[in-house]
Amino acid sequence: MLCLAHQAVNNRVCPLKKFDKFLDRSHLPDDVDLLKDLLISALEELKELTGKVEVLSETIEYLNSQLSVLRRFQYGQRSERFKKKHQ
């Protein structure tokens, strides 16, 4: 499933899990209005999760850049290390 990593990290059930029963055609309702409601609900959930992914991706990018700076500070060559200010 798409959200296995999400579940492993957060020990939560994937929000899209509620749509699993509809992955089998035999479980889909025949009512067109109900199908439309399901589609709208799934698209709203997708939009919300896409927004969360974008925010988390930006956070990861920022944290990776901070980690690079800290690694350079700690492990960089002497000429690359940040000089500590004299006390």
Protein backbone atom coordinates (compact mmCIF):
# COMPACT_ATOMS: atom_id res chain seq x y z
CA MET A 1 0.00 0.00 0.00
CA LEU A 2 1.07 3.56 -0.64
CA CYS A 3 1.15 4.54 3.02
CA LEU A 4 3.23 1.72 4.56
CA ALA A 5 6.12 4.08 5.31
CA HIS A 6 3.69 6.57 6.78
CA GLN A 7 2.21 3.88 9.02
CA ALA A 8 5.62 2.61 10.12
CA VAL A 9 6.76 6.08 11.13
CA ASN A 10 3.59 7.35 12.74
CA ASN A 11 1.84 4.12 13.78
CA ARG A 12 -1.34 5.51 12.28
CA VAL A 13 -3.76 4.19 9.73
CA CYS A 14 -3.48 5.79 6.32
CA PRO A 15 -6.34 8.23 5.73
CA LEU A 16 -6.95 6.63 2.34
CA LYS A 17 -7.51 3.24 4.00
CA LYS A 18 -11.25 3.95 4.05
CA PHE A 19 -11.26 3.64 0.24
CA ASP A 20 -9.63 0.18 0.20
CA LYS A 21 -12.96 -1.63 0.04
CA PHE A 22 -13.76 0.20 -3.19
CA LEU A 23 -10.65 -1.07 -4.99
CA ASP A 24 -12.64 -4.18 -5.86
CA ARG A 25 -15.28 -3.40 -8.49
CA SER A 26 -17.78 -5.72 -6.86
CA HIS A 27 -17.83 -3.49 -3.78
CA LEU A 28 -18.55 -0.28 -5.66
CA PRO A 29 -22.10 1.01 -5.39
CA ASP A 30 -24.27 1.20 -8.52
CA ASP A 31 -25.76 4.54 -7.49
CA VAL A 32 -24.20 7.28 -9.65
CA ASP A 33 -24.69 10.02 -7.04
CA LEU A 34 -23.01 7.89 -4.38
CA LEU A 35 -20.13 7.20 -6.76
CA LYS A 36 -19.79 10.93 -7.40
CA ASP A 37 -19.72 11.57 -3.63
CA LEU A 38 -17.01 8.93 -3.20
CA LEU A 39 -14.96 10.47 -5.99
CA ILE A 40 -15.29 13.97 -4.53
CA SER A 41 -14.32 12.67 -1.10
CA ALA A 42 -11.28 10.87 -2.50
CA LEU A 43 -10.20 13.97 -4.46
CA GLU A 44 -10.57 16.21 -1.40
CA GLU A 45 -8.46 13.77 0.61
CA LEU A 46 -5.87 13.68 -2.18
CA LYS A 47 -5.73 17.49 -2.29
CA GLU A 48 -5.24 17.69 1.48
CA LEU A 49 -2.52 15.04 1.49
CA THR A 50 -0.76 16.64 -1.49
CA GLY A 51 -0.56 19.90 0.45
CA LYS A 52 0.89 18.07 3.44
CA VAL A 53 3.46 16.35 1.24
CA GLU A 54 4.54 19.71 -0.21
CA VAL A 55 4.99 21.20 3.27
CA LEU A 56 6.90 18.16 4.48
CA SER A 57 9.12 18.16 1.38
CA GLU A 58 10.03 21.80 2.02
CA THR A 59 10.77 20.99 5.65
CA ILE A 60 12.99 18.07 4.65
CA GLU A 61 14.85 20.26 2.16
CA TYR A 62 15.43 22.92 4.83
CA LEU A 63 16.58 20.36 7.41
CA ASN A 64 18.94 18.74 4.91
CA SER A 65 20.54 22.10 4.20
CA GLN A 66 20.94 22.73 7.93
CA LEU A 67 22.45 19.27 8.35
CA SER A 68 24.96 19.99 5.57
CA VAL A 69 26.07 23.17 7.33
CA LEU A 70 26.43 21.38 10.64
CA ARG A 71 28.36 18.49 9.08
CA ARG A 72 30.69 20.94 7.35
CA PHE A 73 31.16 22.72 10.67
CA GLN A 74 31.99 19.50 12.50
CA TYR A 75 33.75 17.37 9.88
CA GLY A 76 34.98 19.76 7.18
CA GLN A 77 38.64 20.21 6.34
CA ARG A 78 40.43 22.70 8.52
CA SER A 79 40.39 25.28 5.74
CA GLU A 80 36.62 24.78 5.35
CA ARG A 81 35.70 24.73 9.03
CA PHE A 82 34.01 27.70 10.52
CA LYS A 83 36.35 29.64 12.74
CA LYS A 84 35.15 30.07 16.25
CA LYS A 85 35.11 33.61 17.46
CA HIS A 86 37.66 34.42 20.13
CA GLN A 87 36.16 34.72 23.56
